[in-house]
Amino acid sequence: MYKDVDPDALAGAIRSVHAGHVLLQPEVAGALLSQEEANGSQGRGGSLTEREREVLGLIADGRSNREIARALVLSEKTVKTHVSNILMKLDLADRTQAALWAVRHGVAG
């Protein structure tokens, strides 16, 4: 974290993360994308269902499970199941990696 960060920007970032959104510095995002390429998970998106692709796009937009559930008129438990399936099918560790995968492969809304 930089010492000279704008206090309003910092407060906004904290609120965003608290709301369940993903916030990454460009350097970190680039490193995670490089790691994804090394893992070879690029070609696995075809195994996702249409609903999983919708959920993945909303993850990439920084939406929390609650926000995704509201947007798709689903229960949060169903969204969690979709997120778990996405992570398993794409062989990813967490929703941050899923968001980066989605952006990289044009799934983001």
PDB file of N, CA and C in Angstrom:
ATOM      1  N   MET A   1       0.856  -1.182   0.000  1.00  0.00           N
ATOM      2  CA  MET A   1       0.000   0.000   0.000  1.00  0.00           C
ATOM      3  C   MET A   1       0.889   1.227   0.000  1.00  0.00           C
ATOM      4  N   TYR A   2       0.485   2.191  -0.778  1.00  0.00           N
ATOM      5  CA  TYR A   2       1.246   3.422  -0.890  1.00  0.00           C
ATOM      6  C   TYR A   2       0.882   4.382   0.240  1.00  0.00           C
ATOM      7  N   LYS A   3       1.878   5.106   0.739  1.00  0.00           N
ATOM      8  CA  LYS A   3       1.642   6.053   1.826  1.00  0.00           C
ATOM      9  C   LYS A   3       0.901   7.290   1.360  1.00  0.00           C
ATOM     10  N   ASP A   4       0.993   7.599   0.077  1.00  0.00           N
ATOM     11  CA  ASP A   4       0.394   8.825  -0.426  1.00  0.00           C
ATOM     12  C   ASP A   4      -0.957   8.594  -1.120  1.00  0.00           C
ATOM     13  N   VAL A   5      -1.626   7.487  -0.796  1.00  0.00           N
ATOM     14  CA  VAL A   5      -2.910   7.198  -1.422  1.00  0.00           C
ATOM     15  C   VAL A   5      -3.958   8.211  -0.956  1.00  0.00           C
ATOM     16  N   ASP A   6      -4.838   8.576  -1.882  1.00  0.00           N
ATOM     17  CA  ASP A   6      -5.911   9.514  -1.579  1.00  0.00           C
ATOM     18  C   ASP A   6      -6.855   8.899  -0.539  1.00  0.00           C
ATOM     19  N   PRO A   7      -7.122   9.592   0.576  1.00  0.00           N
ATOM     20  CA  PRO A   7      -7.989   9.028   1.620  1.00  0.00           C
ATOM     21  C   PRO A   7      -9.375   8.636   1.116  1.00  0.00           C
ATOM     22  N   ASP A   8      -9.955   9.424   0.214  1.00  0.00           N
ATOM     23  CA  ASP A   8     -11.273   9.082  -0.329  1.00  0.00           C
ATOM     24  C   ASP A   8     -11.200   7.805  -1.164  1.00  0.00           C
ATOM     25  N   ALA A   9     -10.119   7.663  -1.943  1.00  0.00           N
ATOM     26  CA  ALA A   9      -9.942   6.450  -2.755  1.00  0.00           C
ATOM     27  C   ALA A   9      -9.762   5.230  -1.858  1.00  0.00           C
ATOM     28  N   LEU A  10      -9.011   5.387  -0.781  1.00  0.00           N
ATOM     29  CA  LEU A  10      -8.803   4.286   0.161  1.00  0.00           C
ATOM     30  C   LEU A  10     -10.119   3.882   0.813  1.00  0.00           C
ATOM     31  N   ALA A  11     -10.891   4.857   1.255  1.00  0.00           N
ATOM     32  CA  ALA A  11     -12.181   4.558   1.883  1.00  0.00           C
ATOM     33  C   ALA A  11     -13.109   3.859   0.889  1.00  0.00           C
ATOM     34  N   GLY A  12     -13.104   4.319  -0.352  1.00  0.00           N
ATOM     35  CA  GLY A  12     -13.929   3.687  -1.382  1.00  0.00           C
ATOM     36  C   GLY A  12     -13.497   2.252  -1.642  1.00  0.00           C
ATOM     37  N   ALA A  13     -12.193   2.016  -1.659  1.00  0.00           N
ATOM     38  CA  ALA A  13     -11.676   0.665  -1.876  1.00  0.00           C
ATOM     39  C   ALA A  13     -12.072  -0.255  -0.726  1.00  0.00           C
ATOM     40  N   ILE A  14     -11.990   0.241   0.492  1.00  0.00           N
ATOM     41  CA  ILE A  14     -12.377  -0.559   1.664  1.00  0.00           C
ATOM     42  C   ILE A  14     -13.858  -0.908   1.602  1.00  0.00           C
ATOM     43  N   ARG A  15     -14.696   0.061   1.248  1.00  0.00           N
ATOM     44  CA  ARG A  15     -16.138  -0.212   1.124  1.00  0.00           C
ATOM     45  C   ARG A  15     -16.410  -1.241   0.027  1.00  0.00           C
ATOM     46  N   SER A  16     -15.703  -1.129  -1.070  1.00  0.00           N
ATOM     47  CA  SER A  16     -15.888  -2.057  -2.183  1.00  0.00           C
ATOM     48  C   SER A  16     -15.519  -3.487  -1.783  1.00  0.00           C
ATOM     49  N   VAL A  17     -14.387  -3.646  -1.127  1.00  0.00           N
ATOM     50  CA  VAL A  17     -13.964  -4.974  -0.682  1.00  0.00           C
ATOM     51  C   VAL A  17     -14.916  -5.517   0.374  1.00  0.00           C
ATOM     52  N   HIS A  18     -15.355  -4.659   1.268  1.00  0.00           N
ATOM     53  CA  HIS A  18     -16.308  -5.081   2.300  1.00  0.00           C
ATOM     54  C   HIS A  18     -17.610  -5.575   1.671  1.00  0.00           C
ATOM     55  N   ALA A  19     -17.993  -5.003   0.534  1.00  0.00           N
ATOM     56  CA  ALA A  19     -19.215  -5.404  -0.170  1.00  0.00           C
ATOM     57  C   ALA A  19     -19.017  -6.694  -0.966  1.00  0.00           C
ATOM     58  N   GLY A  20     -17.794  -7.234  -0.951  1.00  0.00           N
ATOM     59  CA  GLY A  20     -17.540  -8.500  -1.628  1.00  0.00           C
ATOM     60  C   GLY A  20     -16.948  -8.371  -3.014  1.00  0.00           C
ATOM     61  N   HIS A  21     -16.575  -7.159  -3.414  1.00  0.00           N
ATOM     62  CA  HIS A  21     -15.992  -6.957  -4.735  1.00  0.00           C
ATOM     63  C   HIS A  21     -14.508  -7.278  -4.713  1.00  0.00           C
ATOM     64  N   VAL A  22     -13.967  -7.567  -5.872  1.00  0.00           N
ATOM     65  CA  VAL A  22     -12.552  -7.876  -6.015  1.00  0.00           C
ATOM     66  C   VAL A  22     -11.822  -6.594  -6.402  1.00  0.00           C
ATOM     67  N   LEU A  23     -10.727  -6.319  -5.718  1.00  0.00           N
ATOM     68  CA  LEU A  23      -9.945  -5.122  -5.994  1.00  0.00           C
ATOM     69  C   LEU A  23      -8.481  -5.522  -6.088  1.00  0.00           C
ATOM     70  N   LEU A  24      -7.890  -5.327  -7.248  1.00  0.00           N
ATOM     71  CA  LEU A  24      -6.496  -5.709  -7.464  1.00  0.00           C
ATOM     72  C   LEU A  24      -5.724  -4.569  -8.108  1.00  0.00           C
ATOM     73  N   GLN A  25      -4.458  -4.448  -7.718  1.00  0.00           N
ATOM     74  CA  GLN A  25      -3.579  -3.521  -8.402  1.00  0.00           C
ATOM     75  C   GLN A  25      -3.223  -4.144  -9.747  1.00  0.00           C
ATOM     76  N   PRO A  26      -2.964  -3.339 -10.767  1.00  0.00           N
ATOM     77  CA  PRO A  26      -2.644  -3.887 -12.093  1.00  0.00           C
ATOM     78  C   PRO A  26      -1.482  -4.877 -12.083  1.00  0.00           C
ATOM     79  N   GLU A  27      -0.481  -4.638 -11.228  1.00  0.00           N
ATOM     80  CA  GLU A  27       0.674  -5.536 -11.169  1.00  0.00           C
ATOM     81  C   GLU A  27       0.253  -6.920 -10.680  1.00  0.00           C
ATOM     82  N   VAL A  28      -0.641  -6.952  -9.698  1.00  0.00           N
ATOM     83  CA  VAL A  28      -1.117  -8.220  -9.146  1.00  0.00           C
ATOM     84  C   VAL A  28      -1.966  -8.946 -10.177  1.00  0.00           C
ATOM     85  N   ALA A  29      -2.843  -8.229 -10.847  1.00  0.00           N
ATOM     86  CA  ALA A  29      -3.682  -8.841 -11.877  1.00  0.00           C
ATOM     87  C   ALA A  29      -2.815  -9.459 -12.967  1.00  0.00           C
ATOM     88  N   GLY A  30      -1.780  -8.761 -13.385  1.00  0.00           N
ATOM     89  CA  GLY A  30      -0.880  -9.294 -14.408  1.00  0.00           C
ATOM     90  C   GLY A  30      -0.171 -10.551 -13.958  1.00  0.00           C
ATOM     91  N   ALA A  31       0.265 -10.568 -12.704  1.00  0.00           N
ATOM     92  CA  ALA A  31       0.942 -11.753 -12.177  1.00  0.00           C
ATOM     93  C   ALA A  31      -0.007 -12.950 -12.117  1.00  0.00           C
ATOM     94  N   LEU A  32      -1.260 -12.709 -11.714  1.00  0.00           N
ATOM     95  CA  LEU A  32      -2.235 -13.796 -11.662  1.00  0.00           C
ATOM     96  C   LEU A  32      -2.570 -14.310 -13.054  1.00  0.00           C
ATOM     97  N   LEU A  33      -2.647 -13.417 -14.029  1.00  0.00           N
ATOM     98  CA  LEU A  33      -2.903 -13.850 -15.403  1.00  0.00           C
ATOM     99  C   LEU A  33      -1.762 -14.707 -15.919  1.00  0.00           C
ATOM    100  N   SER A  34      -0.539 -14.329 -15.596  1.00  0.00           N
ATOM    101  CA  SER A  34       0.616 -15.126 -16.010  1.00  0.00           C
ATOM    102  C   SER A  34       0.575 -16.504 -15.372  1.00  0.00           C
ATOM    103  N   GLN A  35       0.176 -16.552 -14.113  1.00  0.00           N
ATOM    104  CA  GLN A  35       0.065 -17.828 -13.406  1.00  0.00           C
ATOM    105  C   GLN A  35      -1.020 -18.684 -14.048  1.00  0.00           C
ATOM    106  N   GLU A  36      -2.128 -18.078 -14.432  1.00  0.00           N
ATOM    107  CA  GLU A  36      -3.219 -18.801 -15.082  1.00  0.00           C
ATOM    108  C   GLU A  36      -2.746 -19.419 -16.382  1.00  0.00           C
ATOM    109  N   GLU A  37      -1.989 -18.660 -17.173  1.00  0.00           N
ATOM    110  CA  GLU A  37      -1.488 -19.175 -18.438  1.00  0.00           C
ATOM    111  C   GLU A  37      -0.569 -20.363 -18.202  1.00  0.00           C
ATOM    112  N   ALA A  38       0.246 -20.285 -17.159  1.00  0.00           N
ATOM    113  CA  ALA A  38       1.146 -21.390 -16.837  1.00  0.00           C
ATOM    114  C   ALA A  38       0.367 -22.637 -16.421  1.00  0.00           C
ATOM    115  N   ASN A  39      -0.800 -22.440 -15.793  1.00  0.00           N
ATOM    116  CA  ASN A  39      -1.620 -23.573 -15.362  1.00  0.00           C
ATOM    117  C   ASN A  39      -2.388 -24.208 -16.516  1.00  0.00           C
ATOM    118  N   GLY A  40      -2.496 -23.508 -17.638  1.00  0.00           N
ATOM    119  CA  GLY A  40      -3.159 -24.057 -18.811  1.00  0.00           C
ATOM    120  C   GLY A  40      -4.664 -24.186 -18.691  1.00  0.00           C
ATOM    121  N   SER A  41      -5.322 -23.304 -17.974  1.00  0.00           N
ATOM    122  CA  SER A  41      -6.766 -23.417 -17.781  1.00  0.00           C
ATOM    123  C   SER A  41      -7.575 -22.658 -18.830  1.00  0.00           C
ATOM    124  N   GLN A  42      -6.926 -22.142 -19.873  1.00  0.00           N
ATOM    125  CA  GLN A  42      -7.619 -21.317 -20.850  1.00  0.00           C
ATOM    126  C   GLN A  42      -8.687 -22.074 -21.632  1.00  0.00           C
ATOM    127  N   GLY A  43      -8.450 -23.328 -22.003  1.00  0.00           N
ATOM    128  CA  GLY A  43      -9.342 -24.037 -22.891  1.00  0.00           C
ATOM    129  C   GLY A  43     -10.515 -24.715 -22.216  1.00  0.00           C
ATOM    130  N   ARG A  44     -10.699 -24.534 -20.963  1.00  0.00           N
ATOM    131  CA  ARG A  44     -11.711 -25.275 -20.224  1.00  0.00           C
ATOM    132  C   ARG A  44     -13.054 -24.574 -20.126  1.00  0.00           C
ATOM    133  N   GLY A  45     -13.164 -23.371 -20.648  1.00  0.00           N
ATOM    134  CA  GLY A  45     -14.404 -22.617 -20.526  1.00  0.00           C
ATOM    135  C   GLY A  45     -15.578 -23.226 -21.254  1.00  0.00           C
ATOM    136  N   GLY A  46     -15.311 -24.073 -22.242  1.00  0.00           N
ATOM    137  CA  GLY A  46     -16.383 -24.695 -22.995  1.00  0.00           C
ATOM    138  C   GLY A  46     -17.224 -25.649 -22.176  1.00  0.00           C
ATOM    139  N   SER A  47     -16.715 -26.113 -21.053  1.00  0.00           N
ATOM    140  CA  SER A  47     -17.462 -27.063 -20.227  1.00  0.00           C
ATOM    141  C   SER A  47     -18.448 -26.367 -19.283  1.00  0.00           C
ATOM    142  N   LEU A  48     -18.450 -25.044 -19.275  1.00  0.00           N
ATOM    143  CA  LEU A  48     -19.368 -24.312 -18.402  1.00  0.00           C
ATOM    144  C   LEU A  48     -20.767 -24.281 -19.009  1.00  0.00           C
ATOM    145  N   THR A  49     -21.767 -24.378 -18.136  1.00  0.00           N
ATOM    146  CA  THR A  49     -23.143 -24.218 -18.606  1.00  0.00           C
ATOM    147  C   THR A  49     -23.401 -22.736 -18.869  1.00  0.00           C
ATOM    148  N   GLU A  50     -24.498 -22.451 -19.549  1.00  0.00           N
ATOM    149  CA  GLU A  50     -24.857 -21.057 -19.822  1.00  0.00           C
ATOM    150  C   GLU A  50     -25.037 -20.281 -18.517  1.00  0.00           C
ATOM    151  N   ARG A  51     -25.666 -20.893 -17.516  1.00  0.00           N
ATOM    152  CA  ARG A  51     -25.874 -20.224 -16.220  1.00  0.00           C
ATOM    153  C   ARG A  51     -24.533 -19.972 -15.537  1.00  0.00           C
ATOM    154  N   GLU A  52     -23.617 -20.935 -15.601  1.00  0.00           N
ATOM    155  CA  GLU A  52     -22.297 -20.743 -14.994  1.00  0.00           C
ATOM    156  C   GLU A  52     -21.560 -19.608 -15.696  1.00  0.00           C
ATOM    157  N   ARG A  53     -21.717 -19.491 -17.005  1.00  0.00           N
ATOM    158  CA  ARG A  53     -21.086 -18.382 -17.725  1.00  0.00           C
ATOM    159  C   ARG A  53     -21.689 -17.049 -17.286  1.00  0.00           C
ATOM    160  N   GLU A  54     -22.999 -17.020 -17.040  1.00  0.00           N
ATOM    161  CA  GLU A  54     -23.641 -15.795 -16.536  1.00  0.00           C
ATOM    162  C   GLU A  54     -23.069 -15.426 -15.166  1.00  0.00           C
ATOM    163  N   VAL A  55     -22.979 -16.416 -14.292  1.00  0.00           N
ATOM    164  CA  VAL A  55     -22.442 -16.183 -12.940  1.00  0.00           C
ATOM    165  C   VAL A  55     -20.995 -15.709 -13.043  1.00  0.00           C
ATOM    166  N   LEU A  56     -20.217 -16.364 -13.894  1.00  0.00           N
ATOM    167  CA  LEU A  56     -18.815 -15.991 -14.063  1.00  0.00           C
ATOM    168  C   LEU A  56     -18.679 -14.551 -14.558  1.00  0.00           C
ATOM    169  N   GLY A  57     -19.534 -14.155 -15.481  1.00  0.00           N
ATOM    170  CA  GLY A  57     -19.506 -12.772 -15.957  1.00  0.00           C
ATOM    171  C   GLY A  57     -19.788 -11.775 -14.849  1.00  0.00           C
ATOM    172  N   LEU A  58     -20.717 -12.122 -13.974  1.00  0.00           N
ATOM    173  CA  LEU A  58     -21.043 -11.229 -12.856  1.00  0.00           C
ATOM    174  C   LEU A  58     -19.929 -11.214 -11.813  1.00  0.00           C
ATOM    175  N   ILE A  59     -19.259 -12.349 -11.629  1.00  0.00           N
ATOM    176  CA  ILE A  59     -18.081 -12.375 -10.750  1.00  0.00           C
ATOM    177  C   ILE A  59     -17.035 -11.418 -11.304  1.00  0.00           C
ATOM    178  N   ALA A  60     -16.822 -11.473 -12.607  1.00  0.00           N
ATOM    179  CA  ALA A  60     -15.827 -10.612 -13.248  1.00  0.00           C
ATOM    180  C   ALA A  60     -16.196  -9.139 -13.127  1.00  0.00           C
ATOM    181  N   ASP A  61     -17.491  -8.866 -13.026  1.00  0.00           N
ATOM    182  CA  ASP A  61     -17.945  -7.489 -12.827  1.00  0.00           C
ATOM    183  C   ASP A  61     -17.784  -7.038 -11.377  1.00  0.00           C
ATOM    184  N   GLY A  62     -17.285  -7.934 -10.529  1.00  0.00           N
ATOM    185  CA  GLY A  62     -17.043  -7.585  -9.126  1.00  0.00           C
ATOM    186  C   GLY A  62     -18.242  -7.770  -8.233  1.00  0.00           C
ATOM    187  N   ARG A  63     -19.240  -8.498  -8.677  1.00  0.00           N
ATOM    188  CA  ARG A  63     -20.461  -8.689  -7.882  1.00  0.00           C
ATOM    189  C   ARG A  63     -20.257  -9.735  -6.796  1.00  0.00           C
ATOM    190  N   SER A  64     -20.864  -9.516  -5.659  1.00  0.00           N
ATOM    191  CA  SER A  64     -20.846 -10.489  -4.566  1.00  0.00           C
ATOM    192  C   SER A  64     -21.875 -11.581  -4.853  1.00  0.00           C
ATOM    193  N   ASN A  65     -21.825 -12.676  -4.105  1.00  0.00           N
ATOM    194  CA  ASN A  65     -22.813 -13.742  -4.277  1.00  0.00           C
ATOM    195  C   ASN A  65     -24.231 -13.215  -4.082  1.00  0.00           C
ATOM    196  N   ARG A  66     -24.403 -12.360  -3.107  1.00  0.00           N
ATOM    197  CA  ARG A  66     -25.733 -11.797  -2.838  1.00  0.00           C
ATOM    198  C   ARG A  66     -26.222 -10.986  -4.038  1.00  0.00           C
ATOM    199  N   GLU A  67     -25.342 -10.166  -4.603  1.00  0.00           N
ATOM    200  CA  GLU A  67     -25.714  -9.358  -5.770  1.00  0.00           C
ATOM    201  C   GLU A  67     -26.016 -10.235  -6.986  1.00  0.00           C
ATOM    202  N   ILE A  68     -25.237 -11.290  -7.161  1.00  0.00           N
ATOM    203  CA  ILE A  68     -25.480 -12.213  -8.271  1.00  0.00           C
ATOM    204  C   ILE A  68     -26.826 -12.899  -8.088  1.00  0.00           C
ATOM    205  N   ALA A  69     -27.101 -13.334  -6.864  1.00  0.00           N
ATOM    206  CA  ALA A  69     -28.377 -13.996  -6.581  1.00  0.00           C
ATOM    207  C   ALA A  69     -29.550 -13.078  -6.912  1.00  0.00           C
ATOM    208  N   ARG A  70     -29.465 -11.830  -6.529  1.00  0.00           N
ATOM    209  CA  ARG A  70     -30.536 -10.874  -6.820  1.00  0.00           C
ATOM    210  C   ARG A  70     -30.683 -10.646  -8.322  1.00  0.00           C
ATOM    211  N   ALA A  71     -29.554 -10.492  -9.011  1.00  0.00           N
ATOM    212  CA  ALA A  71     -29.588 -10.203 -10.443  1.00  0.00           C
ATOM    213  C   ALA A  71     -30.172 -11.361 -11.245  1.00  0.00           C
ATOM    214  N   LEU A  72     -29.893 -12.598 -10.822  1.00  0.00           N
ATOM    215  CA  LEU A  72     -30.334 -13.770 -11.571  1.00  0.00           C
ATOM    216  C   LEU A  72     -31.561 -14.440 -10.957  1.00  0.00           C
ATOM    217  N   VAL A  73     -32.089 -13.838  -9.896  1.00  0.00           N
ATOM    218  CA  VAL A  73     -33.256 -14.363  -9.176  1.00  0.00           C
ATOM    219  C   VAL A  73     -32.995 -15.819  -8.755  1.00  0.00           C
ATOM    220  N   LEU A  74     -31.909 -15.982  -7.999  1.00  0.00           N
ATOM    221  CA  LEU A  74     -31.506 -17.277  -7.456  1.00  0.00           C
ATOM    222  C   LEU A  74     -31.265 -17.124  -5.963  1.00  0.00           C
ATOM    223  N   SER A  75     -31.167 -18.235  -5.270  1.00  0.00           N
ATOM    224  CA  SER A  75     -30.767 -18.181  -3.867  1.00  0.00           C
ATOM    225  C   SER A  75     -29.245 -18.033  -3.802  1.00  0.00           C
ATOM    226  N   GLU A  76     -28.754 -17.496  -2.694  1.00  0.00           N
ATOM    227  CA  GLU A  76     -27.301 -17.372  -2.528  1.00  0.00           C
ATOM    228  C   GLU A  76     -26.646 -18.747  -2.522  1.00  0.00           C
ATOM    229  N   LYS A  77     -27.332 -19.737  -1.969  1.00  0.00           N
ATOM    230  CA  LYS A  77     -26.790 -21.098  -1.933  1.00  0.00           C
ATOM    231  C   LYS A  77     -26.596 -21.630  -3.358  1.00  0.00           C
ATOM    232  N   THR A  78     -27.548 -21.355  -4.235  1.00  0.00           N
ATOM    233  CA  THR A  78     -27.424 -21.786  -5.631  1.00  0.00           C
ATOM    234  C   THR A  78     -26.247 -21.085  -6.297  1.00  0.00           C
ATOM    235  N   VAL A  79     -26.081 -19.810  -6.024  1.00  0.00           N
ATOM    236  CA  VAL A  79     -24.943 -19.070  -6.581  1.00  0.00           C
ATOM    237  C   VAL A  79     -23.639 -19.678  -6.085  1.00  0.00           C
ATOM    238  N   LYS A  80     -23.561 -19.988  -4.795  1.00  0.00           N
ATOM    239  CA  LYS A  80     -22.346 -20.605  -4.239  1.00  0.00           C
ATOM    240  C   LYS A  80     -22.049 -21.922  -4.939  1.00  0.00           C
ATOM    241  N   THR A  81     -23.086 -22.696  -5.238  1.00  0.00           N
ATOM    242  CA  THR A  81     -22.898 -23.964  -5.952  1.00  0.00           C
ATOM    243  C   THR A  81     -22.341 -23.702  -7.344  1.00  0.00           C
ATOM    244  N   HIS A  82     -22.906 -22.708  -8.031  1.00  0.00           N
ATOM    245  CA  HIS A  82     -22.393 -22.363  -9.362  1.00  0.00           C
ATOM    246  C   HIS A  82     -20.931 -21.921  -9.285  1.00  0.00           C
ATOM    247  N   VAL A  83     -20.598 -21.095  -8.299  1.00  0.00           N
ATOM    248  CA  VAL A  83     -19.214 -20.627  -8.145  1.00  0.00           C
ATOM    249  C   VAL A  83     -18.291 -21.820  -7.909  1.00  0.00           C
ATOM    250  N   SER A  84     -18.688 -22.735  -7.049  1.00  0.00           N
ATOM    251  CA  SER A  84     -17.871 -23.928  -6.791  1.00  0.00           C
ATOM    252  C   SER A  84     -17.667 -24.746  -8.061  1.00  0.00           C
ATOM    253  N   ASN A  85     -18.741 -24.914  -8.834  1.00  0.00           N
ATOM    254  CA  ASN A  85     -18.636 -25.672 -10.089  1.00  0.00           C
ATOM    255  C   ASN A  85     -17.701 -24.979 -11.079  1.00  0.00           C
ATOM    256  N   ILE A  86     -17.800 -23.657 -11.154  1.00  0.00           N
ATOM    257  CA  ILE A  86     -16.928 -22.885 -12.053  1.00  0.00           C
ATOM    258  C   ILE A  86     -15.468 -23.095 -11.662  1.00  0.00           C
ATOM    259  N   LEU A  87     -15.178 -22.944 -10.373  1.00  0.00           N
ATOM    260  CA  LEU A  87     -13.802 -23.099  -9.904  1.00  0.00           C
ATOM    261  C   LEU A  87     -13.281 -24.498 -10.199  1.00  0.00           C
ATOM    262  N   MET A  88     -14.135 -25.512  -9.987  1.00  0.00           N
ATOM    263  CA  MET A  88     -13.728 -26.889 -10.231  1.00  0.00           C
ATOM    264  C   MET A  88     -13.488 -27.125 -11.728  1.00  0.00           C
ATOM    265  N   LYS A  89     -14.413 -26.695 -12.567  1.00  0.00           N
ATOM    266  CA  LYS A  89     -14.298 -26.933 -14.007  1.00  0.00           C
ATOM    267  C   LYS A  89     -13.115 -26.213 -14.625  1.00  0.00           C
ATOM    268  N   LEU A  90     -12.811 -25.024 -14.133  1.00  0.00           N
ATOM    269  CA  LEU A  90     -11.698 -24.242 -14.684  1.00  0.00           C
ATOM    270  C   LEU A  90     -10.386 -24.497 -13.949  1.00  0.00           C
ATOM    271  N   ASP A  91     -10.456 -25.332 -12.905  1.00  0.00           N
ATOM    272  CA  ASP A  91      -9.280 -25.659 -12.098  1.00  0.00           C
ATOM    273  C   ASP A  91      -8.634 -24.394 -11.533  1.00  0.00           C
ATOM    274  N   LEU A  92      -9.485 -23.564 -10.912  1.00  0.00           N
ATOM    275  CA  LEU A  92      -9.035 -22.314 -10.318  1.00  0.00           C
ATOM    276  C   LEU A  92      -9.204 -22.384  -8.807  1.00  0.00           C
ATOM    277  N   ALA A  93      -8.411 -21.593  -8.087  1.00  0.00           N
ATOM    278  CA  ALA A  93      -8.402 -21.658  -6.633  1.00  0.00           C
ATOM    279  C   ALA A  93      -9.457 -20.777  -5.974  1.00  0.00           C
ATOM    280  N   ASP A  94      -9.799 -19.658  -6.596  1.00  0.00           N
ATOM    281  CA  ASP A  94     -10.712 -18.728  -5.938  1.00  0.00           C
ATOM    282  C   ASP A  94     -11.408 -17.840  -6.957  1.00  0.00           C
ATOM    283  N   ARG A  95     -12.349 -17.035  -6.469  1.00  0.00           N
ATOM    284  CA  ARG A  95     -13.140 -16.204  -7.379  1.00  0.00           C
ATOM    285  C   ARG A  95     -12.329 -15.080  -8.011  1.00  0.00           C
ATOM    286  N   THR A  96     -11.225 -14.695  -7.403  1.00  0.00           N
ATOM    287  CA  THR A  96     -10.352 -13.696  -8.021  1.00  0.00           C
ATOM    288  C   THR A  96      -9.752 -14.264  -9.298  1.00  0.00           C
ATOM    289  N   GLN A  97      -9.264 -15.494  -9.223  1.00  0.00           N
ATOM    290  CA  GLN A  97      -8.735 -16.138 -10.417  1.00  0.00           C
ATOM    291  C   GLN A  97      -9.842 -16.329 -11.455  1.00  0.00           C
ATOM    292  N   ALA A  98     -11.041 -16.644 -10.989  1.00  0.00           N
ATOM    293  CA  ALA A  98     -12.177 -16.805 -11.906  1.00  0.00           C
ATOM    294  C   ALA A  98     -12.481 -15.486 -12.618  1.00  0.00           C
ATOM    295  N   ALA A  99     -12.458 -14.391 -11.882  1.00  0.00           N
ATOM    296  CA  ALA A  99     -12.717 -13.080 -12.477  1.00  0.00           C
ATOM    297  C   ALA A  99     -11.660 -12.751 -13.534  1.00  0.00           C
ATOM    298  N   LEU A 100     -10.418 -13.025 -13.230  1.00  0.00           N
ATOM    299  CA  LEU A 100      -9.354 -12.776 -14.187  1.00  0.00           C
ATOM    300  C   LEU A 100      -9.490 -13.669 -15.421  1.00  0.00           C
ATOM    301  N   TRP A 101      -9.861 -14.922 -15.199  1.00  0.00           N
ATOM    302  CA  TRP A 101     -10.084 -15.848 -16.318  1.00  0.00           C
ATOM    303  C   TRP A 101     -11.187 -15.309 -17.223  1.00  0.00           C
ATOM    304  N   ALA A 102     -12.262 -14.844 -16.602  1.00  0.00           N
ATOM    305  CA  ALA A 102     -13.400 -14.343 -17.369  1.00  0.00           C
ATOM    306  C   ALA A 102     -13.032 -13.119 -18.195  1.00  0.00           C
ATOM    307  N   VAL A 103     -12.280 -12.213 -17.619  1.00  0.00           N
ATOM    308  CA  VAL A 103     -11.857 -11.011 -18.342  1.00  0.00           C
ATOM    309  C   VAL A 103     -10.960 -11.414 -19.503  1.00  0.00           C
ATOM    310  N   ARG A 104     -10.047 -12.299 -19.231  1.00  0.00           N
ATOM    311  CA  ARG A 104      -9.076 -12.743 -20.234  1.00  0.00           C
ATOM    312  C   ARG A 104      -9.761 -13.449 -21.414  1.00  0.00           C
ATOM    313  N   HIS A 105     -10.853 -14.156 -21.133  1.00  0.00           N
ATOM    314  CA  HIS A 105     -11.512 -14.952 -22.160  1.00  0.00           C
ATOM    315  C   HIS A 105     -12.828 -14.359 -22.649  1.00  0.00           C
ATOM    316  N   GLY A 106     -13.062 -13.090 -22.355  1.00  0.00           N
ATOM    317  CA  GLY A 106     -14.204 -12.391 -22.898  1.00  0.00           C
ATOM    318  C   GLY A 106     -15.559 -12.800 -22.326  1.00  0.00           C
ATOM    319  N   VAL A 107     -15.551 -13.341 -21.126  1.00  0.00           N
ATOM    320  CA  VAL A 107     -16.815 -13.748 -20.494  1.00  0.00           C
ATOM    321  C   VAL A 107     -17.399 -12.598 -19.680  1.00  0.00           C
ATOM    322  N   ALA A 108     -16.558 -11.643 -19.303  1.00  0.00           N
ATOM    323  CA  ALA A 108     -17.002 -10.524 -18.464  1.00  0.00           C
ATOM    324  C   ALA A 108     -18.054  -9.701 -19.198  1.00  0.00           C
ATOM    325  N   GLY A 109     -19.053  -9.256 -18.399  1.00  0.00           N
ATOM    326  CA  GLY A 109     -20.129  -8.456 -18.977  1.00  0.00           C
ATOM    327  C   GLY A 109     -19.694  -7.069 -19.189  1.00  0.00           C
TER     328      GLY A 109
END
